[in-house]
């Protein structure tokens, strides 16, 4: 979520609790979009291998998973990371050698700006 996208997407209200960069009112857009199929909003912030993940999934206008949070220093539970759980809810199937995050190649860029380029 770049600063420019955040500014364009926010309606000025408070975002869904527990997320760093979910613009105010954007959860309502995600709920609307989920009428056509499951939608996930995920955040990952890492530096030097230490960080946090947050995720939620909407289906038919309602949150059906999350918000999930794993804070710095907390291990992932047996269900996996918040992002992997959200991707699984979207139908991603990982093989035994990797997780859902790597399966859809979310690990190929380290910075939001790199995805835009």
Protein backbone atom coordinates (compact mmCIF):
# COMPACT_ATOMS: atom_id res chain seq x y z
CA UNK A 1 0.00 0.00 0.00
CA UNK A 2 1.86 3.04 -1.22
CA UNK A 3 1.23 6.47 0.29
CA UNK A 4 -0.40 7.61 -2.97
CA UNK A 5 -2.80 4.64 -3.06
CA UNK A 6 -3.57 5.01 0.64
CA UNK A 7 -4.46 8.70 0.17
CA UNK A 8 -6.64 7.91 -2.87
CA UNK A 9 -8.43 5.00 -1.18
CA UNK A 10 -9.17 6.39 2.28
CA UNK A 11 -12.46 8.04 3.14
CA UNK A 12 -10.93 9.65 6.22
CA UNK A 13 -12.49 7.26 8.73
CA UNK A 14 -10.60 4.85 10.98
CA UNK A 15 -9.42 1.67 9.21
CA UNK A 16 -10.19 -1.84 10.42
CA UNK A 17 -8.40 -2.33 13.79
CA UNK A 18 -5.12 -4.19 13.78
CA UNK A 19 -3.86 -3.23 10.33
CA UNK A 20 -1.10 -0.71 9.62
CA UNK A 21 -2.09 0.50 6.19
CA UNK A 22 -5.72 -0.46 5.55
CA UNK A 23 -7.27 2.87 4.49
CA UNK A 24 -10.38 4.04 6.29
CA UNK A 25 -13.44 2.76 4.45
CA UNK A 26 -11.41 0.39 2.25
CA UNK A 27 -12.82 -2.58 4.15
CA UNK A 28 -16.26 -1.57 2.79
CA UNK A 29 -14.86 -1.69 -0.76
CA UNK A 30 -13.36 -5.11 -0.09
CA UNK A 31 -16.73 -6.29 1.19
CA UNK A 32 -18.43 -4.97 -1.96
CA UNK A 33 -15.87 -6.61 -4.25
CA UNK A 34 -16.30 -9.92 -2.42
CA UNK A 35 -19.80 -10.25 -3.86
CA UNK A 36 -18.05 -11.46 -7.03
CA UNK A 37 -15.65 -13.80 -5.18
CA UNK A 38 -13.41 -14.07 -2.16
CA UNK A 39 -11.10 -11.09 -1.55
CA UNK A 40 -8.14 -10.88 0.84
CA UNK A 41 -6.27 -7.94 2.29
CA UNK A 42 -2.83 -8.84 3.62
CA UNK A 43 0.08 -6.96 5.13
CA UNK A 44 3.63 -8.09 5.84
CA UNK A 45 6.37 -5.96 7.32
CA UNK A 46 9.77 -7.53 7.88
CA UNK A 47 13.29 -6.29 8.45
CA UNK A 48 16.18 -8.64 8.98
CA UNK A 49 13.84 -11.63 9.17
CA UNK A 50 11.82 -10.15 12.04
CA UNK A 51 8.35 -8.71 11.55
CA UNK A 52 4.59 -9.03 11.53
CA UNK A 53 1.75 -10.27 9.32
CA UNK A 54 -1.90 -9.31 9.17
CA UNK A 55 -4.68 -10.72 6.98
CA UNK A 56 -8.44 -10.86 6.49
CA UNK A 57 -10.73 -12.43 3.88
CA UNK A 58 -14.18 -11.27 2.75
CA UNK A 59 -16.82 -13.41 1.01
CA UNK A 60 -20.31 -12.24 0.03
CA UNK A 61 -19.81 -8.93 1.80
CA UNK A 62 -18.66 -10.30 5.16
CA UNK A 63 -15.34 -11.06 6.85
CA UNK A 64 -15.01 -14.85 6.90
CA UNK A 65 -11.41 -15.07 8.11
CA UNK A 66 -9.69 -12.75 10.54
CA UNK A 67 -8.51 -10.24 11.05
CA UNK A 68 -5.52 -12.44 11.82
CA UNK A 69 -2.35 -11.01 13.33
CA UNK A 70 1.03 -12.45 14.23
CA UNK A 71 3.11 -9.86 15.97
CA UNK A 72 6.88 -9.58 16.09
CA UNK A 73 8.39 -12.42 18.06
CA UNK A 74 5.28 -14.62 17.95
CA UNK A 75 5.55 -17.96 16.15
CA UNK A 76 3.04 -18.95 13.49
CA UNK A 77 0.47 -21.41 14.78
CA UNK A 78 -0.21 -24.84 13.34
CA UNK A 79 -2.50 -23.27 10.70
CA UNK A 80 0.43 -21.26 9.32
CA UNK A 81 0.98 -17.55 8.86
CA UNK A 82 -1.95 -15.14 8.57
CA UNK A 83 -1.15 -14.57 4.88
CA UNK A 84 -0.90 -18.30 4.13
CA UNK A 85 -4.24 -18.86 5.85
CA UNK A 86 -5.84 -16.10 3.77
CA UNK A 87 -4.37 -17.45 0.55
CA UNK A 88 -5.61 -20.94 1.42
CA UNK A 89 -9.10 -19.47 1.91
CA UNK A 90 -8.77 -18.03 -1.62
CA UNK A 91 -8.00 -21.51 -2.95
CA UNK A 92 -4.19 -21.49 -3.15
CA UNK A 93 -2.70 -24.95 -2.69
CA UNK A 94 0.95 -25.16 -1.68
CA UNK A 95 3.17 -28.15 -2.26
CA UNK A 96 5.14 -29.83 0.52
CA UNK A 97 8.30 -27.83 -0.23
CA UNK A 98 6.84 -24.34 0.23
CA UNK A 99 3.97 -22.36 1.72
CA UNK A 100 1.13 -20.45 0.05
CA UNK A 101 3.02 -17.14 0.28
CA UNK A 102 5.86 -18.50 -1.86
CA UNK A 103 3.52 -20.52 -4.10
CA UNK A 104 1.92 -17.32 -5.43
CA UNK A 105 5.35 -15.62 -5.44
CA UNK A 106 4.57 -12.89 -2.93
CA UNK A 107 8.19 -13.26 -1.90
CA UNK A 108 9.60 -12.12 -5.25
CA UNK A 109 9.72 -8.40 -4.32
CA UNK A 110 10.82 -6.87 -1.03
CA UNK A 111 9.26 -3.41 -1.45
CA UNK A 112 5.82 -2.20 -2.58
CA UNK A 113 7.43 0.08 -5.15
CA UNK A 114 8.99 -2.97 -6.84
CA UNK A 115 5.53 -4.45 -7.50
CA UNK A 116 4.47 -1.26 -9.24
CA UNK A 117 7.53 -1.20 -11.48
